[in-house]
Amino acid sequence: MKYSEFHRKILAAGWKFSHAEGSHYFYTKNGKLSEPVPYHGAKEFPEPLRRKIARAMGI
């Protein structure tokens, strides 16, 4: 899965973009701030890291 696809999946799950710090995006949902989510466009997202972030965000 590419970084851009994962970010679309986060938005579809109801998370709202909060802010960015460098190449890391932060999202909010129900007042909760997400872990930093790296963004590198069309590059492939490493599967172990994607699973860890998805599990923490409940996706």
Protein backbone atom coordinates (compact mmCIF):
# COMPACT_ATOMS: atom_id res chain seq x y z
CA MET A 1 0.00 0.00 0.00
CA LYS A 2 1.28 3.46 -0.83
CA TYR A 3 1.48 6.30 1.70
CA SER A 4 -1.19 8.30 -0.17
CA GLU A 5 -3.59 5.32 -0.16
CA PHE A 6 -3.17 4.86 3.59
CA HIS A 7 -3.86 8.55 4.24
CA ARG A 8 -7.09 8.30 2.22
CA LYS A 9 -8.05 5.26 4.32
CA ILE A 10 -7.45 7.26 7.52
CA LEU A 11 -9.73 10.07 6.30
CA ALA A 12 -12.41 7.55 5.24
CA ALA A 13 -12.34 6.12 8.79
CA GLY A 14 -13.48 9.48 10.18
CA TRP A 15 -10.16 10.99 11.23
CA LYS A 16 -9.64 14.70 10.42
CA PHE A 17 -6.31 16.20 9.38
CA SER A 18 -4.92 18.27 12.26
CA HIS A 19 -1.45 19.45 11.27
CA ALA A 20 1.87 18.41 9.74
CA GLU A 21 5.38 18.52 11.13
CA GLY A 22 7.83 17.94 8.31
CA SER A 23 6.81 14.76 6.53
CA HIS A 24 4.61 13.51 9.39
CA TYR A 25 0.86 14.16 9.49
CA PHE A 26 -1.29 14.21 12.62
CA TYR A 27 -5.03 13.48 12.70
CA THR A 28 -7.75 13.97 15.31
CA LYS A 29 -10.92 12.02 16.07
CA ASN A 30 -13.22 12.67 19.03
CA GLY A 31 -10.60 14.95 20.58
CA LYS A 32 -7.89 12.28 20.38
CA LEU A 33 -4.63 13.08 18.55
CA SER A 34 -3.15 10.29 16.43
CA GLU A 35 0.41 9.02 16.38
CA PRO A 36 2.57 10.78 13.77
CA VAL A 37 1.85 9.23 10.37
CA PRO A 38 4.68 9.57 7.83
CA TYR A 39 3.81 10.82 4.35
CA HIS A 40 5.98 10.16 1.31
CA GLY A 41 3.40 10.23 -1.49
CA ALA A 42 3.63 7.40 -4.01
CA LYS A 43 6.30 5.40 -2.15
CA GLU A 44 5.35 2.07 -0.58
CA PHE A 45 4.41 2.16 3.12
CA PRO A 46 6.39 -0.48 5.11
CA GLU A 47 3.83 -3.11 6.15
CA PRO A 48 4.87 -3.53 9.84
CA LEU A 49 4.70 0.23 10.45
CA ARG A 50 1.39 0.54 8.59
CA ARG A 51 -0.15 -2.24 10.70
CA LYS A 52 1.12 -0.65 13.95
CA ILE A 53 -0.37 2.75 13.10
CA ALA A 54 -3.64 1.24 11.82
CA ARG A 55 -4.03 -0.79 15.02
CA ALA A 56 -3.36 2.27 17.20
CA MET A 57 -5.92 4.32 15.23
CA GLY A 58 -8.53 1.54 15.18
CA ILE A 59 -8.64 1.22 11.39
